[in-house]
């Protein structure tokens, strides 16, 4: 009987250890998911910012082209005088 009781105690101990491992893994998984979500949001924000900067860059390039054209016209008029 004491042999069975000893085995029961050992099995309960193993169950408790397994439960502790499970809880630890669940905690690590929750942290990993949170970290992944934060990185996903950061990547989405970076992508949105990139799109905004591309629009600004395109507008600035158009302004540069217009300014160069205006300068060329003014320079040509100056040469003609």
PDB file of N, CA and C in Angstrom:
ATOM      1  N   UNK A   1       0.827  -1.209   0.000  1.00  0.00           N
ATOM      2  CA  UNK A   1       0.000   0.000   0.000  1.00  0.00           C
ATOM      3  C   UNK A   1       0.861   1.259   0.000  1.00  0.00           C
ATOM      4  N   UNK A   2       1.934   1.239   0.827  1.00  0.00           N
ATOM      5  CA  UNK A   2       2.810   2.407   0.868  1.00  0.00           C
ATOM      6  C   UNK A   2       3.517   2.611  -0.468  1.00  0.00           C
ATOM      7  N   UNK A   3       3.761   1.540  -1.201  1.00  0.00           N
ATOM      8  CA  UNK A   3       4.361   1.642  -2.529  1.00  0.00           C
ATOM      9  C   UNK A   3       3.418   2.404  -3.462  1.00  0.00           C
ATOM     10  N   UNK A   4       2.140   2.080  -3.391  1.00  0.00           N
ATOM     11  CA  UNK A   4       1.151   2.783  -4.222  1.00  0.00           C
ATOM     12  C   UNK A   4       1.032   4.247  -3.815  1.00  0.00           C
ATOM     13  N   UNK A   5       1.055   4.479  -2.524  1.00  0.00           N
ATOM     14  CA  UNK A   5       0.988   5.857  -2.035  1.00  0.00           C
ATOM     15  C   UNK A   5       2.204   6.640  -2.508  1.00  0.00           C
ATOM     16  N   UNK A   6       3.348   6.017  -2.471  1.00  0.00           N
ATOM     17  CA  UNK A   6       4.578   6.657  -2.943  1.00  0.00           C
ATOM     18  C   UNK A   6       4.476   6.976  -4.434  1.00  0.00           C
ATOM     19  N   UNK A   7       3.955   6.046  -5.204  1.00  0.00           N
ATOM     20  CA  UNK A   7       3.782   6.286  -6.645  1.00  0.00           C
ATOM     21  C   UNK A   7       2.775   7.405  -6.894  1.00  0.00           C
ATOM     22  N   UNK A   8       1.711   7.423  -6.102  1.00  0.00           N
ATOM     23  CA  UNK A   8       0.704   8.484  -6.248  1.00  0.00           C
ATOM     24  C   UNK A   8       1.327   9.840  -5.948  1.00  0.00           C
ATOM     25  N   UNK A   9       2.136   9.921  -4.911  1.00  0.00           N
ATOM     26  CA  UNK A   9       2.815  11.172  -4.562  1.00  0.00           C
ATOM     27  C   UNK A   9       3.735  11.601  -5.698  1.00  0.00           C
ATOM     28  N   UNK A  10       4.489  10.655  -6.255  1.00  0.00           N
ATOM     29  CA  UNK A  10       5.392  10.971  -7.374  1.00  0.00           C
ATOM     30  C   UNK A  10       4.601  11.448  -8.590  1.00  0.00           C
ATOM     31  N   UNK A  11       3.502  10.770  -8.884  1.00  0.00           N
ATOM     32  CA  UNK A  11       2.682  11.166 -10.037  1.00  0.00           C
ATOM     33  C   UNK A  11       2.067  12.546  -9.840  1.00  0.00           C
ATOM     34  N   UNK A  12       1.601  12.812  -8.624  1.00  0.00           N
ATOM     35  CA  UNK A  12       1.055  14.148  -8.339  1.00  0.00           C
ATOM     36  C   UNK A  12       2.138  15.207  -8.510  1.00  0.00           C
ATOM     37  N   UNK A  13       3.337  14.882  -8.059  1.00  0.00           N
ATOM     38  CA  UNK A  13       4.463  15.810  -8.208  1.00  0.00           C
ATOM     39  C   UNK A  13       4.754  16.065  -9.687  1.00  0.00           C
ATOM     40  N   UNK A  14       4.744  15.011 -10.487  1.00  0.00           N
ATOM     41  CA  UNK A  14       4.972  15.169 -11.928  1.00  0.00           C
ATOM     42  C   UNK A  14       3.862  15.993 -12.568  1.00  0.00           C
ATOM     43  N   UNK A  15       2.633  15.764 -12.127  1.00  0.00           N
ATOM     44  CA  UNK A  15       1.507  16.549 -12.659  1.00  0.00           C
ATOM     45  C   UNK A  15       1.693  18.024 -12.321  1.00  0.00           C
ATOM     46  N   UNK A  16       2.086  18.319 -11.088  1.00  0.00           N
ATOM     47  CA  UNK A  16       2.308  19.708 -10.681  1.00  0.00           C
ATOM     48  C   UNK A  16       3.443  20.339 -11.480  1.00  0.00           C
ATOM     49  N   UNK A  17       4.519  19.579 -11.704  1.00  0.00           N
ATOM     50  CA  UNK A  17       5.629  20.098 -12.516  1.00  0.00           C
ATOM     51  C   UNK A  17       5.164  20.366 -13.945  1.00  0.00           C
ATOM     52  N   UNK A  18       4.383  19.430 -14.487  1.00  0.00           N
ATOM     53  CA  UNK A  18       3.861  19.615 -15.841  1.00  0.00           C
ATOM     54  C   UNK A  18       2.955  20.829 -15.929  1.00  0.00           C
ATOM     55  N   UNK A  19       2.149  21.042 -14.904  1.00  0.00           N
ATOM     56  CA  UNK A  19       1.262  22.211 -14.870  1.00  0.00           C
ATOM     57  C   UNK A  19       2.079  23.498 -14.802  1.00  0.00           C
ATOM     58  N   UNK A  20       3.145  23.478 -14.004  1.00  0.00           N
ATOM     59  CA  UNK A  20       4.015  24.653 -13.903  1.00  0.00           C
ATOM     60  C   UNK A  20       4.670  24.951 -15.250  1.00  0.00           C
ATOM     61  N   UNK A  21       5.115  23.909 -15.936  1.00  0.00           N
ATOM     62  CA  UNK A  21       5.718  24.084 -17.266  1.00  0.00           C
ATOM     63  C   UNK A  21       4.684  24.636 -18.239  1.00  0.00           C
ATOM     64  N   UNK A  22       3.464  24.101 -18.192  1.00  0.00           N
ATOM     65  CA  UNK A  22       2.394  24.569 -19.081  1.00  0.00           C
ATOM     66  C   UNK A  22       2.109  26.050 -18.847  1.00  0.00           C
ATOM     67  N   UNK A  23       2.000  26.442 -17.583  1.00  0.00           N
ATOM     68  CA  UNK A  23       1.733  27.841 -17.265  1.00  0.00           C
ATOM     69  C   UNK A  23       2.877  28.735 -17.732  1.00  0.00           C
ATOM     70  N   UNK A  24       4.100  28.261 -17.545  1.00  0.00           N
ATOM     71  CA  UNK A  24       5.263  29.027 -17.993  1.00  0.00           C
ATOM     72  C   UNK A  24       5.245  29.201 -19.510  1.00  0.00           C
ATOM     73  N   UNK A  25       4.922  28.135 -20.223  1.00  0.00           N
ATOM     74  CA  UNK A  25       4.863  28.208 -21.685  1.00  0.00           C
ATOM     75  C   UNK A  25       3.731  29.116 -22.151  1.00  0.00           C
ATOM     76  N   UNK A  26       2.593  29.061 -21.472  1.00  0.00           N
ATOM     77  CA  UNK A  26       1.482  29.953 -21.820  1.00  0.00           C
ATOM     78  C   UNK A  26       1.874  31.407 -21.620  1.00  0.00           C
ATOM     79  N   UNK A  27       2.600  31.677 -20.536  1.00  0.00           N
ATOM     80  CA  UNK A  27       3.067  33.035 -20.268  1.00  0.00           C
ATOM     81  C   UNK A  27       4.033  33.496 -21.360  1.00  0.00           C
ATOM     82  N   UNK A  28       4.986  32.645 -21.705  1.00  0.00           N
ATOM     83  CA  UNK A  28       5.937  32.983 -22.772  1.00  0.00           C
ATOM     84  C   UNK A  28       5.222  33.203 -24.097  1.00  0.00           C
ATOM     85  N   UNK A  29       4.216  32.387 -24.373  1.00  0.00           N
ATOM     86  CA  UNK A  29       3.440  32.539 -25.602  1.00  0.00           C
ATOM     87  C   UNK A  29       2.693  33.867 -25.611  1.00  0.00           C
ATOM     88  N   UNK A  30       2.117  34.238 -24.482  1.00  0.00           N
ATOM     89  CA  UNK A  30       1.404  35.516 -24.386  1.00  0.00           C
ATOM     90  C   UNK A  30       2.359  36.680 -24.631  1.00  0.00           C
ATOM     91  N   UNK A  31       3.551  36.598 -24.064  1.00  0.00           N
ATOM     92  CA  UNK A  31       4.549  37.652 -24.275  1.00  0.00           C
ATOM     93  C   UNK A  31       4.963  37.702 -25.743  1.00  0.00           C
ATOM     94  N   UNK A  32       5.185  36.544 -26.342  1.00  0.00           N
ATOM     95  CA  UNK A  32       5.586  36.491 -27.753  1.00  0.00           C
ATOM     96  C   UNK A  32       4.489  37.066 -28.647  1.00  0.00           C
ATOM     97  N   UNK A  33       3.232  36.750 -28.346  1.00  0.00           N
ATOM     98  CA  UNK A  33       2.123  37.298 -29.137  1.00  0.00           C
ATOM     99  C   UNK A  33       2.040  38.808 -28.991  1.00  0.00           C
ATOM    100  N   UNK A  34       2.203  39.290 -27.766  1.00  0.00           N
ATOM    101  CA  UNK A  34       2.167  40.737 -27.532  1.00  0.00           C
ATOM    102  C   UNK A  34       3.288  41.423 -28.309  1.00  0.00           C
ATOM    103  N   UNK A  35       4.482  40.851 -28.236  1.00  0.00           N
ATOM    104  CA  UNK A  35       5.630  41.409 -28.952  1.00  0.00           C
ATOM    105  C   UNK A  35       5.388  41.399 -30.460  1.00  0.00           C
ATOM    106  N   UNK A  36       4.823  40.305 -30.955  1.00  0.00           N
ATOM    107  CA  UNK A  36       4.529  40.211 -32.389  1.00  0.00           C
ATOM    108  C   UNK A  36       3.499  41.259 -32.799  1.00  0.00           C
ATOM    109  N   UNK A  37       2.483  41.461 -31.968  1.00  0.00           N
ATOM    110  CA  UNK A  37       1.474  42.476 -32.274  1.00  0.00           C
ATOM    111  C   UNK A  37       2.081  43.870 -32.289  1.00  0.00           C
ATOM    112  N   UNK A  38       2.941  44.160 -31.314  1.00  0.00           N
ATOM    113  CA  UNK A  38       3.592  45.469 -31.276  1.00  0.00           C
ATOM    114  C   UNK A  38       4.454  45.685 -32.516  1.00  0.00           C
ATOM    115  N   UNK A  39       5.171  44.647 -32.924  1.00  0.00           N
ATOM    116  CA  UNK A  39       6.017  44.774 -34.116  1.00  0.00           C
ATOM    117  C   UNK A  39       5.168  44.925 -35.374  1.00  0.00           C
ATOM    118  N   UNK A  40       4.023  44.248 -35.406  1.00  0.00           N
ATOM    119  CA  UNK A  40       3.125  44.382 -36.551  1.00  0.00           C
ATOM    120  C   UNK A  40       2.597  45.808 -36.644  1.00  0.00           C
ATOM    121  N   UNK A  41       2.165  46.355 -35.501  1.00  0.00           N
ATOM    122  CA  UNK A  41       1.666  47.731 -35.498  1.00  0.00           C
ATOM    123  C   UNK A  41       2.769  48.707 -35.895  1.00  0.00           C
ATOM    124  N   UNK A  42       3.977  48.488 -35.398  1.00  0.00           N
ATOM    125  CA  UNK A  42       5.101  49.365 -35.741  1.00  0.00           C
ATOM    126  C   UNK A  42       5.401  49.293 -37.233  1.00  0.00           C
ATOM    127  N   UNK A  43       5.344  48.098 -37.797  1.00  0.00           N
ATOM    128  CA  UNK A  43       5.589  47.942 -39.238  1.00  0.00           C
ATOM    129  C   UNK A  43       4.497  48.633 -40.048  1.00  0.00           C
ATOM    130  N   UNK A  44       3.248  48.514 -39.609  1.00  0.00           N
ATOM    131  CA  UNK A  44       2.152  49.181 -40.312  1.00  0.00           C
ATOM    132  C   UNK A  44       2.307  50.693 -40.239  1.00  0.00           C
ATOM    133  N   UNK A  45       2.687  51.203 -39.065  1.00  0.00           N
ATOM    134  CA  UNK A  45       2.916  52.640 -38.917  1.00  0.00           C
ATOM    135  C   UNK A  45       4.054  53.106 -39.816  1.00  0.00           C
ATOM    136  N   UNK A  46       5.128  52.331 -39.863  1.00  0.00           N
ATOM    137  CA  UNK A  46       6.262  52.688 -40.714  1.00  0.00           C
ATOM    138  C   UNK A  46       5.857  52.685 -42.186  1.00  0.00           C
ATOM    139  N   UNK A  47       5.056  51.714 -42.575  1.00  0.00           N
ATOM    140  CA  UNK A  47       4.593  51.642 -43.964  1.00  0.00           C
ATOM    141  C   UNK A  47       3.721  52.851 -44.300  1.00  0.00           C
ATOM    142  N   UNK A  48       2.808  53.205 -43.393  1.00  0.00           N
ATOM    143  CA  UNK A  48       1.953  54.372 -43.620  1.00  0.00           C
ATOM    144  C   UNK A  48       2.775  55.647 -43.711  1.00  0.00           C
ATOM    145  N   UNK A  49       3.768  55.773 -42.847  1.00  0.00           N
ATOM    146  CA  UNK A  49       4.639  56.956 -42.874  1.00  0.00           C
ATOM    147  C   UNK A  49       5.426  57.002 -44.185  1.00  0.00           C
ATOM    148  N   UNK A  50       5.886  55.855 -44.650  1.00  0.00           N
ATOM    149  CA  UNK A  50       6.612  55.792 -45.915  1.00  0.00           C
ATOM    150  C   UNK A  50       5.736  56.270 -47.065  1.00  0.00           C
ATOM    151  N   UNK A  51       4.486  55.826 -47.080  1.00  0.00           N
ATOM    152  CA  UNK A  51       3.560  56.253 -48.137  1.00  0.00           C
ATOM    153  C   UNK A  51       3.372  57.767 -48.079  1.00  0.00           C
ATOM    154  N   UNK A  52       3.201  58.305 -46.872  1.00  0.00           N
ATOM    155  CA  UNK A  52       3.044  59.755 -46.722  1.00  0.00           C
ATOM    156  C   UNK A  52       4.283  60.492 -47.224  1.00  0.00           C
ATOM    157  N   UNK A  53       5.449  59.985 -46.877  1.00  0.00           N
ATOM    158  CA  UNK A  53       6.689  60.634 -47.308  1.00  0.00           C
ATOM    159  C   UNK A  53       6.881  60.532 -48.819  1.00  0.00           C
ATOM    160  N   UNK A  54       6.424  59.434 -49.411  1.00  0.00           N
ATOM    161  CA  UNK A  54       6.511  59.307 -50.864  1.00  0.00           C
ATOM    162  C   UNK A  54       5.635  60.350 -51.547  1.00  0.00           C
ATOM    163  N   UNK A  55       4.460  60.615 -50.991  1.00  0.00           N
ATOM    164  CA  UNK A  55       3.570  61.641 -51.546  1.00  0.00           C
ATOM    165  C   UNK A  55       4.228  63.009 -51.424  1.00  0.00           C
ATOM    166  N   UNK A  56       4.787  63.304 -50.251  1.00  0.00           N
ATOM    167  CA  UNK A  56       5.474  64.584 -50.045  1.00  0.00           C
ATOM    168  C   UNK A  56       6.647  64.704 -51.003  1.00  0.00           C
ATOM    169  N   UNK A  57       7.409  63.629 -51.170  1.00  0.00           N
ATOM    170  CA  UNK A  57       8.561  63.635 -52.066  1.00  0.00           C
ATOM    171  C   UNK A  57       8.133  63.918 -53.506  1.00  0.00           C
ATOM    172  N   UNK A  58       7.048  63.284 -53.926  1.00  0.00           N
ATOM    173  CA  UNK A  58       6.556  63.505 -55.287  1.00  0.00           C
ATOM    174  C   UNK A  58       6.149  64.963 -55.492  1.00  0.00           C
ATOM    175  N   UNK A  59       5.473  65.536 -54.519  1.00  0.00           N
ATOM    176  CA  UNK A  59       5.072  66.946 -54.622  1.00  0.00           C
ATOM    177  C   UNK A  59       6.292  67.856 -54.679  1.00  0.00           C
ATOM    178  N   UNK A  60       7.297  67.538 -53.866  1.00  0.00           N
ATOM    179  CA  UNK A  60       8.515  68.352 -53.874  1.00  0.00           C
ATOM    180  C   UNK A  60       9.262  68.221 -55.200  1.00  0.00           C
ATOM    181  N   UNK A  61       9.273  67.026 -55.771  1.00  0.00           N
ATOM    182  CA  UNK A  61       9.923  66.848 -57.072  1.00  0.00           C
ATOM    183  C   UNK A  61       9.197  67.650 -58.151  1.00  0.00           C
ATOM    184  N   UNK A  62       7.869  67.683 -58.082  1.00  0.00           N
ATOM    185  CA  UNK A  62       7.105  68.487 -59.038  1.00  0.00           C
ATOM    186  C   UNK A  62       7.436  69.966 -58.871  1.00  0.00           C
ATOM    187  N   UNK A  63       7.549  70.400 -57.620  1.00  0.00           N
ATOM    188  CA  UNK A  63       7.877  71.801 -57.359  1.00  0.00           C
ATOM    189  C   UNK A  63       9.276  72.131 -57.880  1.00  0.00           C
ATOM    190  N   UNK A  64      10.223  71.215 -57.699  1.00  0.00           N
ATOM    191  CA  UNK A  64      11.578  71.424 -58.220  1.00  0.00           C
ATOM    192  C   UNK A  64      11.535  71.549 -59.740  1.00  0.00           C
ATOM    193  N   UNK A  65      10.784  70.670 -60.390  1.00  0.00           N
ATOM    194  CA  UNK A  65      10.684  70.711 -61.853  1.00  0.00           C
ATOM    195  C   UNK A  65      10.078  72.032 -62.308  1.00  0.00           C
ATOM    196  N   UNK A  66       9.031  72.486 -61.627  1.00  0.00           N
ATOM    197  CA  UNK A  66       8.405  73.765 -61.980  1.00  0.00           C
ATOM    198  C   UNK A  66       9.368  74.925 -61.764  1.00  0.00           C
ATOM    199  N   UNK A  67      10.110  74.883 -60.667  1.00  0.00           N
ATOM    200  CA  UNK A  67      11.068  75.947 -60.365  1.00  0.00           C
ATOM    201  C   UNK A  67      12.189  75.967 -61.395  1.00  0.00           C
ATOM    202  N   UNK A  68      12.681  74.787 -61.780  1.00  0.00           N
ATOM    203  CA  UNK A  68      13.726  74.724 -62.805  1.00  0.00           C
ATOM    204  C   UNK A  68      13.210  75.265 -64.133  1.00  0.00           C
ATOM    205  N   UNK A  69      11.969  74.946 -64.467  1.00  0.00           N
ATOM    206  CA  UNK A  69      11.386  75.442 -65.711  1.00  0.00           C
ATOM    207  C   UNK A  69      11.275  76.967 -65.670  1.00  0.00           C
ATOM    208  N   UNK A  70      10.802  77.491 -64.546  1.00  0.00           N
ATOM    209  CA  UNK A  70      10.694  78.947 -64.388  1.00  0.00           C
ATOM    210  C   UNK A  70      12.067  79.593 -64.485  1.00  0.00           C
ATOM    211  N   UNK A  71      13.068  78.979 -63.870  1.00  0.00           N
ATOM    212  CA  UNK A  71      14.426  79.502 -63.922  1.00  0.00           C
ATOM    213  C   UNK A  71      14.957  79.498 -65.354  1.00  0.00           C
ATOM    214  N   UNK A  72      14.731  78.393 -66.072  1.00  0.00           N
ATOM    215  CA  UNK A  72      15.192  78.304 -67.460  1.00  0.00           C
ATOM    216  C   UNK A  72      14.551  79.381 -68.323  1.00  0.00           C
ATOM    217  N   UNK A  73      13.255  79.609 -68.120  1.00  0.00           N
ATOM    218  CA  UNK A  73      12.553  80.649 -68.887  1.00  0.00           C
ATOM    219  C   UNK A  73      13.131  82.018 -68.556  1.00  0.00           C
ATOM    220  N   UNK A  74      13.342  82.280 -67.270  1.00  0.00           N
ATOM    221  CA  UNK A  74      13.903  83.572 -66.861  1.00  0.00           C
ATOM    222  C   UNK A  74      15.315  83.740 -67.402  1.00  0.00           C
ATOM    223  N   UNK A  75      16.089  82.680 -67.392  1.00  0.00           N
ATOM    224  CA  UNK A  75      17.462  82.748 -67.896  1.00  0.00           C
ATOM    225  C   UNK A  75      17.458  83.023 -69.401  1.00  0.00           C
ATOM    226  N   UNK A  76      16.542  82.380 -70.121  1.00  0.00           N
ATOM    227  CA  UNK A  76      16.450  82.598 -71.567  1.00  0.00           C
ATOM    228  C   UNK A  76      16.050  84.041 -71.862  1.00  0.00           C
ATOM    229  N   UNK A  77      15.089  84.573 -71.092  1.00  0.00           N
ATOM    230  CA  UNK A  77      14.681  85.975 -71.279  1.00  0.00           C
ATOM    231  C   UNK A  77      15.840  86.911 -71.001  1.00  0.00           C
ATOM    232  N   UNK A  78      16.631  86.585 -69.990  1.00  0.00           N
ATOM    233  CA  UNK A  78      17.769  87.427 -69.640  1.00  0.00           C
ATOM    234  C   UNK A  78      18.798  87.418 -70.769  1.00  0.00           C
ATOM    235  N   UNK A  79      19.009  86.245 -71.397  1.00  0.00           N
ATOM    236  CA  UNK A  79      19.955  86.152 -72.508  1.00  0.00           C
ATOM    237  C   UNK A  79      19.451  86.922 -73.719  1.00  0.00           C
ATOM    238  N   UNK A  80      18.129  86.902 -73.929  1.00  0.00           N
ATOM    239  CA  UNK A  80      17.546  87.565 -75.092  1.00  0.00           C
ATOM    240  C   UNK A  80      17.617  89.084 -74.984  1.00  0.00           C
ATOM    241  N   UNK A  81      17.739  89.599 -73.788  1.00  0.00           N
ATOM    242  CA  UNK A  81      17.745  91.061 -73.620  1.00  0.00           C
ATOM    243  C   UNK A  81      19.048  91.638 -73.955  1.00  0.00           C
TER     244      UNK A  81
END
